[in-house]
Amino acid sequence: MAFELRSPAFSSGAEIPVRHTCDGPDLSPPLLWSDPPADTKGFVLIVDDPDAPVGTWVHWVLYGLAAPAHELPEGVPARETVPGVGTQGVNDFRKVGYGGPCPPRGPAHRYFFRLYALDTELALPPRKTKAEVLKAIEGHGLGQAELMGRYRRR
């Protein structure tokens, strides 16, 4: 089996439900993963939109997920630290936690949920950016799983 990331809310390449966007309650979607690489000690999740007009837009930076974890519930609270989940960074909305798809009207955008398996437990303080987290995990990656969803404003 390969390291895989999926969601019961939408399948890979499908439309992200409104409840997980700015047009709805903007809840983070539930996520499940399986078969992480051997020796995985922690995970990092980064969600971004490469189709944003200003360049790649970061929607969620979550780190410090412990290796025993294999899922995230729907609606992870927008707090710096969430017990049993991990530590949250700052997204490009300049907020801590998940900020769902909210593209301008027009064609659908792609949203990439990338889960990185690490050979270490990442202990960074809250409010780190995507760039800071990616720099901190350099040389610690064991594998990556990806889920892509789409969303277009109505």
Protein backbone atom coordinates (compact mmCIF):
# COMPACT_ATOMS: atom_id res chain seq x y z
CA MET A 1 0.00 0.00 0.00
CA ALA A 2 1.07 3.57 -0.66
CA PHE A 3 0.86 6.55 1.67
CA GLU A 4 -2.58 7.96 0.89
CA LEU A 5 -4.62 11.01 1.96
CA ARG A 6 -8.38 11.08 1.46
CA SER A 7 -11.53 12.74 2.74
CA PRO A 8 -15.00 11.33 3.33
CA ALA A 9 -16.29 14.79 2.26
CA PHE A 10 -14.96 14.71 -1.33
CA SER A 11 -12.93 12.47 -3.60
CA SER A 12 -9.68 13.42 -5.29
CA GLY A 13 -10.31 15.85 -8.14
CA ALA A 14 -13.95 16.41 -7.10
CA GLU A 15 -15.69 19.55 -5.90
CA ILE A 16 -15.14 20.53 -2.28
CA PRO A 17 -18.53 20.81 -0.53
CA VAL A 18 -19.79 24.32 0.25
CA ARG A 19 -19.66 23.61 4.03
CA HIS A 20 -15.84 23.61 3.75
CA THR A 21 -15.67 26.99 1.96
CA CYS A 22 -16.27 30.69 2.63
CA ASP A 23 -19.70 30.30 1.01
CA GLY A 24 -20.70 28.00 3.88
CA PRO A 25 -19.64 27.56 7.51
CA ASP A 26 -15.97 27.28 6.39
CA LEU A 27 -15.23 24.10 8.38
CA SER A 28 -12.04 22.19 7.69
CA PRO A 29 -12.92 18.91 5.97
CA PRO A 30 -12.39 15.57 7.69
CA LEU A 31 -9.19 13.91 6.50
CA LEU A 32 -7.94 10.33 6.75
CA TRP A 33 -4.56 8.87 5.88
CA SER A 34 -3.15 5.41 5.65
CA ASP A 35 0.15 3.59 5.24
CA PRO A 36 2.61 6.33 6.21
CA PRO A 37 6.27 5.43 5.67
CA ALA A 38 7.98 3.29 8.30
CA ASP A 39 9.68 5.31 11.05
CA THR A 40 7.24 8.24 10.70
CA LYS A 41 7.31 10.27 13.91
CA GLY A 42 5.12 13.23 12.91
CA PHE A 43 3.14 14.95 10.17
CA VAL A 44 2.68 18.39 8.64
CA LEU A 45 -0.38 19.39 6.59
CA ILE A 46 -0.34 22.30 4.18
CA VAL A 47 -3.30 23.34 2.03
CA ASP A 48 -2.89 25.83 -0.79
CA ASP A 49 -4.40 27.11 -4.03
CA PRO A 50 -1.92 27.51 -6.91
CA ASP A 51 -4.62 29.11 -9.11
CA ALA A 52 -5.08 32.27 -7.01
CA PRO A 53 -4.68 35.51 -9.00
CA VAL A 54 -1.81 36.69 -6.75
CA GLY A 55 0.07 33.36 -6.92
CA THR A 56 -0.19 30.37 -4.61
CA TRP A 57 -2.53 31.17 -1.70
CA VAL A 58 -2.04 29.29 1.58
CA HIS A 59 -5.25 28.12 3.26
CA TRP A 60 -3.97 26.01 6.16
CA VAL A 61 -0.68 25.27 7.93
CA LEU A 62 -0.93 22.53 10.56
CA TYR A 63 2.08 20.90 12.20
CA GLY A 64 3.08 18.91 15.23
CA LEU A 65 0.67 16.08 14.38
CA ALA A 66 1.93 13.01 16.23
CA ALA A 67 2.71 9.79 14.36
CA PRO A 68 -0.10 7.72 15.87
CA ALA A 69 -2.63 10.08 14.22
CA HIS A 70 -4.34 8.83 11.09
CA GLU A 71 -7.17 11.32 10.80
CA LEU A 72 -8.38 14.85 11.39
CA PRO A 73 -11.99 15.55 12.34
CA GLU A 74 -14.19 18.00 10.50
CA GLY A 75 -14.03 21.53 11.84
CA VAL A 76 -10.64 21.72 13.55
CA PRO A 77 -10.96 24.84 15.77
CA ALA A 78 -9.08 27.96 14.65
CA ARG A 79 -6.80 28.03 17.70
CA GLU A 80 -3.02 28.13 17.84
CA THR A 81 -2.83 24.76 19.59
CA VAL A 82 -5.54 22.10 19.41
CA PRO A 83 -5.09 19.25 21.92
CA GLY A 84 -4.96 15.88 20.22
CA VAL A 85 -4.47 17.54 16.82
CA GLY A 86 -1.46 19.83 16.62
CA THR A 87 -0.22 23.38 16.24
CA GLN A 88 -1.54 25.80 13.63
CA GLY A 89 0.27 28.35 11.59
CA VAL A 90 -0.90 31.49 9.85
CA ASN A 91 -2.62 31.25 6.46
CA ASP A 92 -2.64 33.91 3.75
CA PHE A 93 -5.86 35.35 5.20
CA ARG A 94 -3.49 36.31 8.08
CA LYS A 95 -5.45 34.06 10.43
CA VAL A 96 -4.57 30.99 12.46
CA GLY A 97 -6.12 27.73 11.30
CA TYR A 98 -8.14 26.69 8.28
CA GLY A 99 -9.43 29.22 5.78
CA GLY A 100 -11.51 27.43 3.17
CA PRO A 101 -11.71 27.95 -0.56
CA CYS A 102 -12.90 31.45 -1.43
CA PRO A 103 -11.80 32.13 -5.01
CA PRO A 104 -13.01 35.07 -7.06
CA ARG A 105 -15.92 34.29 -9.38
CA GLY A 106 -14.81 32.48 -12.52
CA PRO A 107 -13.27 29.10 -13.24
CA ALA A 108 -12.79 26.54 -10.49
CA HIS A 109 -9.55 26.63 -8.49
CA ARG A 110 -7.57 23.59 -7.36
CA TYR A 111 -6.88 23.09 -3.66
CA PHE A 112 -4.00 20.82 -2.72
CA PHE A 113 -4.01 19.14 0.68
CA ARG A 114 -0.44 17.88 1.20
CA LEU A 115 0.46 15.71 4.15
CA TYR A 116 4.17 15.31 4.85
CA ALA A 117 5.42 12.32 6.90
CA LEU A 118 8.51 13.23 8.95
CA ASP A 119 11.30 11.34 10.68
CA THR A 120 10.97 13.73 13.63
CA GLU A 121 8.32 15.34 15.80
CA LEU A 122 8.16 18.95 14.71
CA ALA A 123 8.06 21.19 17.78
CA LEU A 124 7.60 24.72 16.50
CA PRO A 125 5.69 27.49 18.24
CA PRO A 126 2.29 28.50 16.81
CA ARG A 127 1.73 31.03 14.03
CA LYS A 128 4.48 29.84 11.66
CA THR A 129 4.03 30.40 7.92
CA LYS A 130 4.13 27.78 5.20
CA ALA A 131 7.65 28.91 4.24
CA GLU A 132 8.90 28.64 7.84
CA VAL A 133 7.42 25.17 8.27
CA LEU A 134 8.79 23.91 4.95
CA LYS A 135 12.23 25.19 5.93
CA ALA A 136 11.98 23.43 9.32
CA ILE A 137 11.14 20.08 7.71
CA GLU A 138 13.96 20.16 5.16
CA GLY A 139 15.85 16.87 5.36
CA HIS A 140 13.16 15.26 7.54
CA GLY A 141 10.65 14.16 4.89
CA LEU A 142 9.90 10.46 4.56
CA GLY A 143 6.97 10.77 2.17
CA GLN A 144 4.11 12.91 0.99
CA ALA A 145 0.44 12.16 0.34
CA GLU A 146 -1.78 14.53 -1.61
CA LEU A 147 -5.49 15.15 -2.09
CA MET A 148 -6.75 17.72 -4.58
CA GLY A 149 -10.23 19.21 -4.57
CA ARG A 150 -11.80 21.92 -6.70
CA TYR A 151 -14.09 24.82 -5.93
CA ARG A 152 -15.82 27.51 -7.97
CA ARG A 153 -17.87 30.36 -6.50
CA ARG A 154 -21.54 30.38 -7.40
